[in-house]
Amino acid sequence: MTHPSSDERAPNFWRSRFALGWLVLAAAAGWFLWAEHRAHLLGALPYVILLACPLMHVFMHRGHHGQHGTPPGAAGRAPRDRGESS
């Protein structure tokens, strides 16, 4: 299997003129949305913060999958008895 050299690779999207045009368009759209709808956006901010808490828990902790408190690497092992010696 041969890997393409640096000359054969496709150009980076973020360094193209097309991407620069999209970034300018997105910046202008963002400015006009902020200027015209600032009251609506700031009015919804407390609800967005409250919604962020459960979403961060679900996506950052990945729901724990029933293994809360299990050390890494010990998910497949059976728990030992307290009286058992090693």
PDB file of N, CA and C in Angstrom:
ATOM      1  N   MET A   1       0.835  -1.167   0.000  1.00  0.00           N
ATOM      2  CA  MET A   1       0.000   0.000   0.000  1.00  0.00           C
ATOM      3  C   MET A   1       0.887   1.238   0.000  1.00  0.00           C
ATOM      4  N   THR A   2       0.652   2.097  -0.931  1.00  0.00           N
ATOM      5  CA  THR A   2       1.449   3.314  -1.017  1.00  0.00           C
ATOM      6  C   THR A   2       0.648   4.495  -0.502  1.00  0.00           C
ATOM      7  N   HIS A   3       1.341   5.352   0.173  1.00  0.00           N
ATOM      8  CA  HIS A   3       0.715   6.560   0.702  1.00  0.00           C
ATOM      9  C   HIS A   3       1.024   7.719  -0.230  1.00  0.00           C
ATOM     10  N   PRO A   4       0.054   8.585  -0.458  1.00  0.00           N
ATOM     11  CA  PRO A   4       0.323   9.722  -1.348  1.00  0.00           C
ATOM     12  C   PRO A   4       1.311  10.688  -0.716  1.00  0.00           C
ATOM     13  N   SER A   5       2.153  11.253  -1.543  1.00  0.00           N
ATOM     14  CA  SER A   5       3.104  12.231  -1.034  1.00  0.00           C
ATOM     15  C   SER A   5       2.370  13.535  -0.740  1.00  0.00           C
ATOM     16  N   SER A   6       3.087  14.464  -0.163  1.00  0.00           N
ATOM     17  CA  SER A   6       2.459  15.734   0.197  1.00  0.00           C
ATOM     18  C   SER A   6       1.992  16.504  -1.038  1.00  0.00           C
ATOM     19  N   ASP A   7       2.612  16.251  -2.198  1.00  0.00           N
ATOM     20  CA  ASP A   7       2.210  16.944  -3.419  1.00  0.00           C
ATOM     21  C   ASP A   7       0.924  16.382  -3.998  1.00  0.00           C
ATOM     22  N   GLU A   8       0.611  15.105  -3.737  1.00  0.00           N
ATOM     23  CA  GLU A   8      -0.554  14.454  -4.316  1.00  0.00           C
ATOM     24  C   GLU A   8      -1.810  14.598  -3.471  1.00  0.00           C
ATOM     25  N   ARG A   9      -1.692  15.037  -2.248  1.00  0.00           N
ATOM     26  CA  ARG A   9      -2.851  15.165  -1.364  1.00  0.00           C
ATOM     27  C   ARG A   9      -3.739  16.316  -1.804  1.00  0.00           C
ATOM     28  N   ALA A  10      -5.021  16.178  -1.473  1.00  0.00           N
ATOM     29  CA  ALA A  10      -5.957  17.254  -1.780  1.00  0.00           C
ATOM     30  C   ALA A  10      -5.634  18.469  -0.903  1.00  0.00           C
ATOM     31  N   PRO A  11      -5.854  19.662  -1.407  1.00  0.00           N
ATOM     32  CA  PRO A  11      -5.562  20.856  -0.604  1.00  0.00           C
ATOM     33  C   PRO A  11      -6.459  20.922   0.632  1.00  0.00           C
ATOM     34  N   ASN A  12      -5.942  21.516   1.658  1.00  0.00           N
ATOM     35  CA  ASN A  12      -6.672  21.675   2.912  1.00  0.00           C
ATOM     36  C   ASN A  12      -7.859  22.610   2.683  1.00  0.00           C
ATOM     37  N   PHE A  13      -9.052  22.182   3.128  1.00  0.00           N
ATOM     38  CA  PHE A  13     -10.258  22.984   2.910  1.00  0.00           C
ATOM     39  C   PHE A  13     -10.149  24.343   3.590  1.00  0.00           C
ATOM     40  N   TRP A  14      -9.650  24.387   4.797  1.00  0.00           N
ATOM     41  CA  TRP A  14      -9.640  25.634   5.565  1.00  0.00           C
ATOM     42  C   TRP A  14      -8.656  26.655   5.018  1.00  0.00           C
ATOM     43  N   ARG A  15      -7.792  26.251   4.119  1.00  0.00           N
ATOM     44  CA  ARG A  15      -6.853  27.197   3.512  1.00  0.00           C
ATOM     45  C   ARG A  15      -7.285  27.606   2.106  1.00  0.00           C
ATOM     46  N   SER A  16      -8.449  27.167   1.680  1.00  0.00           N
ATOM     47  CA  SER A  16      -8.920  27.489   0.332  1.00  0.00           C
ATOM     48  C   SER A  16      -9.691  28.814   0.336  1.00  0.00           C
ATOM     49  N   ARG A  17      -9.862  29.391  -0.841  1.00  0.00           N
ATOM     50  CA  ARG A  17     -10.626  30.635  -0.974  1.00  0.00           C
ATOM     51  C   ARG A  17     -12.103  30.376  -0.708  1.00  0.00           C
ATOM     52  N   PHE A  18     -12.563  29.179  -1.031  1.00  0.00           N
ATOM     53  CA  PHE A  18     -13.953  28.802  -0.788  1.00  0.00           C
ATOM     54  C   PHE A  18     -14.267  28.851   0.714  1.00  0.00           C
ATOM     55  N   ALA A  19     -13.387  28.314   1.540  1.00  0.00           N
ATOM     56  CA  ALA A  19     -13.594  28.312   2.991  1.00  0.00           C
ATOM     57  C   ALA A  19     -13.555  29.736   3.543  1.00  0.00           C
ATOM     58  N   LEU A  20     -12.661  30.545   3.015  1.00  0.00           N
ATOM     59  CA  LEU A  20     -12.588  31.936   3.476  1.00  0.00           C
ATOM     60  C   LEU A  20     -13.888  32.666   3.176  1.00  0.00           C
ATOM     61  N   GLY A  21     -14.469  32.413   2.001  1.00  0.00           N
ATOM     62  CA  GLY A  21     -15.754  33.024   1.659  1.00  0.00           C
ATOM     63  C   GLY A  21     -16.860  32.569   2.602  1.00  0.00           C
ATOM     64  N   TRP A  22     -16.884  31.279   2.932  1.00  0.00           N
ATOM     65  CA  TRP A  22     -17.896  30.776   3.868  1.00  0.00           C
ATOM     66  C   TRP A  22     -17.706  31.365   5.263  1.00  0.00           C
ATOM     67  N   LEU A  23     -16.473  31.525   5.697  1.00  0.00           N
ATOM     68  CA  LEU A  23     -16.228  32.119   7.018  1.00  0.00           C
ATOM     69  C   LEU A  23     -16.692  33.571   7.069  1.00  0.00           C
ATOM     70  N   VAL A  24     -16.435  34.336   6.004  1.00  0.00           N
ATOM     71  CA  VAL A  24     -16.892  35.732   5.956  1.00  0.00           C
ATOM     72  C   VAL A  24     -18.413  35.784   5.954  1.00  0.00           C
ATOM     73  N   LEU A  25     -19.048  34.919   5.169  1.00  0.00           N
ATOM     74  CA  LEU A  25     -20.513  34.868   5.127  1.00  0.00           C
ATOM     75  C   LEU A  25     -21.089  34.483   6.492  1.00  0.00           C
ATOM     76  N   ALA A  26     -20.489  33.500   7.157  1.00  0.00           N
ATOM     77  CA  ALA A  26     -20.965  33.080   8.476  1.00  0.00           C
ATOM     78  C   ALA A  26     -20.779  34.186   9.515  1.00  0.00           C
ATOM     79  N   ALA A  27     -19.675  34.921   9.426  1.00  0.00           N
ATOM     80  CA  ALA A  27     -19.451  36.025  10.356  1.00  0.00           C
ATOM     81  C   ALA A  27     -20.483  37.134  10.150  1.00  0.00           C
ATOM     82  N   ALA A  28     -20.766  37.455   8.905  1.00  0.00           N
ATOM     83  CA  ALA A  28     -21.771  38.495   8.621  1.00  0.00           C
ATOM     84  C   ALA A  28     -23.154  38.043   9.082  1.00  0.00           C
ATOM     85  N   ALA A  29     -23.515  36.774   8.823  1.00  0.00           N
ATOM     86  CA  ALA A  29     -24.811  36.263   9.269  1.00  0.00           C
ATOM     87  C   ALA A  29     -24.895  36.255  10.787  1.00  0.00           C
ATOM     88  N   GLY A  30     -23.814  35.867  11.442  1.00  0.00           N
ATOM     89  CA  GLY A  30     -23.797  35.871  12.912  1.00  0.00           C
ATOM     90  C   GLY A  30     -23.956  37.272  13.477  1.00  0.00           C
ATOM     91  N   TRP A  31     -23.300  38.256  12.847  1.00  0.00           N
ATOM     92  CA  TRP A  31     -23.430  39.631  13.316  1.00  0.00           C
ATOM     93  C   TRP A  31     -24.866  40.127  13.177  1.00  0.00           C
ATOM     94  N   PHE A  32     -25.499  39.875  12.039  1.00  0.00           N
ATOM     95  CA  PHE A  32     -26.870  40.351  11.845  1.00  0.00           C
ATOM     96  C   PHE A  32     -27.855  39.612  12.755  1.00  0.00           C
ATOM     97  N   LEU A  33     -27.631  38.327  12.992  1.00  0.00           N
ATOM     98  CA  LEU A  33     -28.488  37.606  13.939  1.00  0.00           C
ATOM     99  C   LEU A  33     -28.348  38.183  15.344  1.00  0.00           C
ATOM    100  N   TRP A  34     -27.128  38.485  15.751  1.00  0.00           N
ATOM    101  CA  TRP A  34     -26.906  39.060  17.082  1.00  0.00           C
ATOM    102  C   TRP A  34     -27.530  40.454  17.180  1.00  0.00           C
ATOM    103  N   ALA A  35     -27.349  41.268  16.147  1.00  0.00           N
ATOM    104  CA  ALA A  35     -27.840  42.644  16.194  1.00  0.00           C
ATOM    105  C   ALA A  35     -29.370  42.697  16.207  1.00  0.00           C
ATOM    106  N   GLU A  36     -30.020  41.818  15.459  1.00  0.00           N
ATOM    107  CA  GLU A  36     -31.472  41.874  15.346  1.00  0.00           C
ATOM    108  C   GLU A  36     -32.215  41.064  16.412  1.00  0.00           C
ATOM    109  N   HIS A  37     -31.594  40.038  16.944  1.00  0.00           N
ATOM    110  CA  HIS A  37     -32.294  39.134  17.863  1.00  0.00           C
ATOM    111  C   HIS A  37     -31.612  39.031  19.223  1.00  0.00           C
ATOM    112  N   ARG A  38     -30.901  40.069  19.622  1.00  0.00           N
ATOM    113  CA  ARG A  38     -30.164  40.053  20.887  1.00  0.00           C
ATOM    114  C   ARG A  38     -31.087  39.820  22.080  1.00  0.00           C
ATOM    115  N   ALA A  39     -32.241  40.459  22.104  1.00  0.00           N
ATOM    116  CA  ALA A  39     -33.161  40.311  23.236  1.00  0.00           C
ATOM    117  C   ALA A  39     -33.675  38.872  23.350  1.00  0.00           C
ATOM    118  N   HIS A  40     -33.951  38.251  22.207  1.00  0.00           N
ATOM    119  CA  HIS A  40     -34.424  36.866  22.234  1.00  0.00           C
ATOM    120  C   HIS A  40     -33.328  35.917  22.700  1.00  0.00           C
ATOM    121  N   LEU A  41     -32.102  36.141  22.210  1.00  0.00           N
ATOM    122  CA  LEU A  41     -30.996  35.258  22.571  1.00  0.00           C
ATOM    123  C   LEU A  41     -30.653  35.381  24.053  1.00  0.00           C
ATOM    124  N   LEU A  42     -30.608  36.607  24.558  1.00  0.00           N
ATOM    125  CA  LEU A  42     -30.276  36.794  25.971  1.00  0.00           C
ATOM    126  C   LEU A  42     -31.417  36.339  26.878  1.00  0.00           C
ATOM    127  N   GLY A  43     -32.664  36.414  26.400  1.00  0.00           N
ATOM    128  CA  GLY A  43     -33.798  35.938  27.188  1.00  0.00           C
ATOM    129  C   GLY A  43     -33.807  34.426  27.339  1.00  0.00           C
ATOM    130  N   ALA A  44     -33.257  33.719  26.360  1.00  0.00           N
ATOM    131  CA  ALA A  44     -33.218  32.258  26.415  1.00  0.00           C
ATOM    132  C   ALA A  44     -31.973  31.733  27.128  1.00  0.00           C
ATOM    133  N   LEU A  45     -31.040  32.594  27.461  1.00  0.00           N
ATOM    134  CA  LEU A  45     -29.778  32.169  28.067  1.00  0.00           C
ATOM    135  C   LEU A  45     -29.937  31.378  29.366  1.00  0.00           C
ATOM    136  N   PRO A  46     -30.802  31.772  30.305  1.00  0.00           N
ATOM    137  CA  PRO A  46     -30.944  30.946  31.519  1.00  0.00           C
ATOM    138  C   PRO A  46     -31.429  29.522  31.233  1.00  0.00           C
ATOM    139  N   TYR A  47     -32.311  29.383  30.253  1.00  0.00           N
ATOM    140  CA  TYR A  47     -32.801  28.052  29.907  1.00  0.00           C
ATOM    141  C   TYR A  47     -31.711  27.225  29.220  1.00  0.00           C
ATOM    142  N   VAL A  48     -30.875  27.864  28.445  1.00  0.00           N
ATOM    143  CA  VAL A  48     -29.778  27.159  27.785  1.00  0.00           C
ATOM    144  C   VAL A  48     -28.784  26.652  28.824  1.00  0.00           C
ATOM    145  N   ILE A  49     -28.508  27.458  29.828  1.00  0.00           N
ATOM    146  CA  ILE A  49     -27.587  27.037  30.893  1.00  0.00           C
ATOM    147  C   ILE A  49     -28.176  25.860  31.668  1.00  0.00           C
ATOM    148  N   LEU A  50     -29.475  25.925  31.990  1.00  0.00           N
ATOM    149  CA  LEU A  50     -30.103  24.806  32.696  1.00  0.00           C
ATOM    150  C   LEU A  50     -30.134  23.540  31.840  1.00  0.00           C
ATOM    151  N   LEU A  51     -30.316  23.670  30.554  1.00  0.00           N
ATOM    152  CA  LEU A  51     -30.323  22.517  29.665  1.00  0.00           C
ATOM    153  C   LEU A  51     -28.920  21.956  29.478  1.00  0.00           C
ATOM    154  N   ALA A  52     -27.907  22.780  29.614  1.00  0.00           N
ATOM    155  CA  ALA A  52     -26.534  22.315  29.428  1.00  0.00           C
ATOM    156  C   ALA A  52     -26.112  21.324  30.501  1.00  0.00           C
ATOM    157  N   CYS A  53     -26.636  21.445  31.706  1.00  0.00           N
ATOM    158  CA  CYS A  53     -26.225  20.542  32.798  1.00  0.00           C
ATOM    159  C   CYS A  53     -26.542  19.075  32.500  1.00  0.00           C
ATOM    160  N   PRO A  54     -27.792  18.708  32.200  1.00  0.00           N
ATOM    161  CA  PRO A  54     -28.038  17.294  31.904  1.00  0.00           C
ATOM    162  C   PRO A  54     -27.388  16.837  30.596  1.00  0.00           C
ATOM    163  N   LEU A  55     -27.268  17.731  29.625  1.00  0.00           N
ATOM    164  CA  LEU A  55     -26.628  17.337  28.374  1.00  0.00           C
ATOM    165  C   LEU A  55     -25.143  17.062  28.582  1.00  0.00           C
ATOM    166  N   MET A  56     -24.479  17.873  29.392  1.00  0.00           N
ATOM    167  CA  MET A  56     -23.072  17.614  29.685  1.00  0.00           C
ATOM    168  C   MET A  56     -22.914  16.297  30.430  1.00  0.00           C
ATOM    169  N   HIS A  57     -23.818  15.991  31.341  1.00  0.00           N
ATOM    170  CA  HIS A  57     -23.732  14.732  32.071  1.00  0.00           C
ATOM    171  C   HIS A  57     -23.883  13.549  31.124  1.00  0.00           C
ATOM    172  N   VAL A  58     -24.842  13.607  30.226  1.00  0.00           N
ATOM    173  CA  VAL A  58     -25.072  12.491  29.307  1.00  0.00           C
ATOM    174  C   VAL A  58     -23.903  12.329  28.341  1.00  0.00           C
ATOM    175  N   PHE A  59     -23.432  13.417  27.739  1.00  0.00           N
ATOM    176  CA  PHE A  59     -22.415  13.292  26.712  1.00  0.00           C
ATOM    177  C   PHE A  59     -21.001  13.191  27.262  1.00  0.00           C
ATOM    178  N   MET A  60     -20.728  13.795  28.408  1.00  0.00           N
ATOM    179  CA  MET A  60     -19.371  13.733  28.940  1.00  0.00           C
ATOM    180  C   MET A  60     -19.136  12.479  29.770  1.00  0.00           C
ATOM    181  N   HIS A  61     -20.154  12.022  30.479  1.00  0.00           N
ATOM    182  CA  HIS A  61     -20.004  10.811  31.278  1.00  0.00           C
ATOM    183  C   HIS A  61     -20.468   9.585  30.516  1.00  0.00           C
ATOM    184  N   ARG A  62     -21.119   9.770  29.393  1.00  0.00           N
ATOM    185  CA  ARG A  62     -21.640   8.702  28.551  1.00  0.00           C
ATOM    186  C   ARG A  62     -22.565   7.770  29.318  1.00  0.00           C
ATOM    187  N   GLY A  63     -23.308   8.300  30.273  1.00  0.00           N
ATOM    188  CA  GLY A  63     -24.328   7.542  30.972  1.00  0.00           C
ATOM    189  C   GLY A  63     -23.792   6.539  31.968  1.00  0.00           C
ATOM    190  N   HIS A  64     -22.501   6.390  32.120  1.00  0.00           N
ATOM    191  CA  HIS A  64     -21.834   5.465  33.039  1.00  0.00           C
ATOM    192  C   HIS A  64     -22.085   4.006  32.698  1.00  0.00           C
ATOM    193  N   HIS A  65     -23.062   3.676  31.914  1.00  0.00           N
ATOM    194  CA  HIS A  65     -23.339   2.310  31.472  1.00  0.00           C
ATOM    195  C   HIS A  65     -23.390   1.320  32.618  1.00  0.00           C
ATOM    196  N   GLY A  66     -23.882   1.720  33.765  1.00  0.00           N
ATOM    197  CA  GLY A  66     -24.049   0.805  34.886  1.00  0.00           C
ATOM    198  C   GLY A  66     -22.755   0.429  35.581  1.00  0.00           C
ATOM    199  N   GLN A  67     -21.658   1.119  35.330  1.00  0.00           N
ATOM    200  CA  GLN A  67     -20.373   0.778  35.927  1.00  0.00           C
ATOM    201  C   GLN A  67     -19.870   1.901  36.817  1.00  0.00           C
ATOM    202  N   HIS A  68     -20.749   2.565  37.495  1.00  0.00           N
ATOM    203  CA  HIS A  68     -20.351   3.686  38.339  1.00  0.00           C
ATOM    204  C   HIS A  68     -19.488   3.183  39.491  1.00  0.00           C
ATOM    205  N   GLY A  69     -18.336   3.745  39.643  1.00  0.00           N
ATOM    206  CA  GLY A  69     -17.450   3.385  40.737  1.00  0.00           C
ATOM    207  C   GLY A  69     -16.505   2.239  40.416  1.00  0.00           C
ATOM    208  N   THR A  70     -16.559   1.664  39.231  1.00  0.00           N
ATOM    209  CA  THR A  70     -15.670   0.577  38.850  1.00  0.00           C
ATOM    210  C   THR A  70     -14.374   1.168  38.328  1.00  0.00           C
ATOM    211  N   PRO A  71     -13.226   0.718  38.836  1.00  0.00           N
ATOM    212  CA  PRO A  71     -11.961   1.256  38.341  1.00  0.00           C
ATOM    213  C   PRO A  71     -11.724   0.847  36.890  1.00  0.00           C
ATOM    214  N   PRO A  72     -10.955   1.623  36.141  1.00  0.00           N
ATOM    215  CA  PRO A  72     -10.697   1.286  34.742  1.00  0.00           C
ATOM    216  C   PRO A  72     -10.011  -0.070  34.625  1.00  0.00           C
ATOM    217  N   GLY A  73     -10.413  -0.867  33.678  1.00  0.00           N
ATOM    218  CA  GLY A  73      -9.822  -2.175  33.452  1.00  0.00           C
ATOM    219  C   GLY A  73     -10.450  -3.282  34.262  1.00  0.00           C
ATOM    220  N   ALA A  74     -11.340  -2.956  35.203  1.00  0.00           N
ATOM    221  CA  ALA A  74     -11.950  -3.970  36.058  1.00  0.00           C
ATOM    222  C   ALA A  74     -13.393  -4.242  35.672  1.00  0.00           C
ATOM    223  N   ALA A  75     -13.816  -3.803  34.499  1.00  0.00           N
ATOM    224  CA  ALA A  75     -15.218  -3.928  34.110  1.00  0.00           C
ATOM    225  C   ALA A  75     -15.622  -5.379  33.889  1.00  0.00           C
ATOM    226  N   GLY A  76     -14.714  -6.232  33.386  1.00  0.00           N
ATOM    227  CA  GLY A  76     -15.076  -7.607  33.077  1.00  0.00           C
ATOM    228  C   GLY A  76     -14.847  -8.585  34.214  1.00  0.00           C
ATOM    229  N   ARG A  77     -14.193  -8.167  35.299  1.00  0.00           N
ATOM    230  CA  ARG A  77     -13.870  -9.082  36.398  1.00  0.00           C
ATOM    231  C   ARG A  77     -14.993  -9.133  37.416  1.00  0.00           C
ATOM    232  N   ALA A  78     -15.141 -10.265  38.036  1.00  0.00           N
ATOM    233  CA  ALA A  78     -16.133 -10.427  39.097  1.00  0.00           C
ATOM    234  C   ALA A  78     -15.596  -9.818  40.393  1.00  0.00           C
ATOM    235  N   PRO A  79     -16.439  -9.242  41.220  1.00  0.00           N
ATOM    236  CA  PRO A  79     -15.956  -8.657  42.478  1.00  0.00           C
ATOM    237  C   PRO A  79     -15.483  -9.743  43.435  1.00  0.00           C
ATOM    238  N   ARG A  80     -14.444  -9.415  44.214  1.00  0.00           N
ATOM    239  CA  ARG A  80     -13.913 -10.365  45.188  1.00  0.00           C
ATOM    240  C   ARG A  80     -14.626 -10.190  46.518  1.00  0.00           C
ATOM    241  N   ASP A  81     -14.652 -11.256  47.301  1.00  0.00           N
ATOM    242  CA  ASP A  81     -15.186 -11.190  48.662  1.00  0.00           C
ATOM    243  C   ASP A  81     -14.187 -10.458  49.544  1.00  0.00           C
ATOM    244  N   ARG A  82     -14.680  -9.852  50.619  1.00  0.00           N
ATOM    245  CA  ARG A  82     -13.790  -9.128  51.518  1.00  0.00           C
ATOM    246  C   ARG A  82     -12.874 -10.057  52.302  1.00  0.00           C
ATOM    247  N   GLY A  83     -13.307 -11.282  52.574  1.00  0.00           N
ATOM    248  CA  GLY A  83     -12.516 -12.214  53.354  1.00  0.00           C
ATOM    249  C   GLY A  83     -11.498 -12.968  52.515  1.00  0.00           C
ATOM    250  N   GLU A  84     -11.527 -12.826  51.213  1.00  0.00           N
ATOM    251  CA  GLU A  84     -10.619 -13.556  50.343  1.00  0.00           C
ATOM    252  C   GLU A  84      -9.234 -12.915  50.371  1.00  0.00           C
ATOM    253  N   SER A  85      -8.207 -13.757  50.485  1.00  0.00           N
ATOM    254  CA  SER A  85      -6.844 -13.228  50.495  1.00  0.00           C
ATOM    255  C   SER A  85      -6.264 -13.318  49.103  1.00  0.00           C
ATOM    256  N   SER A  86      -5.360 -12.420  48.782  1.00  0.00           N
ATOM    257  CA  SER A  86      -4.765 -12.397  47.437  1.00  0.00           C
ATOM    258  C   SER A  86      -3.535 -13.256  47.380  1.00  0.00           C
TER     259      SER A  86
END
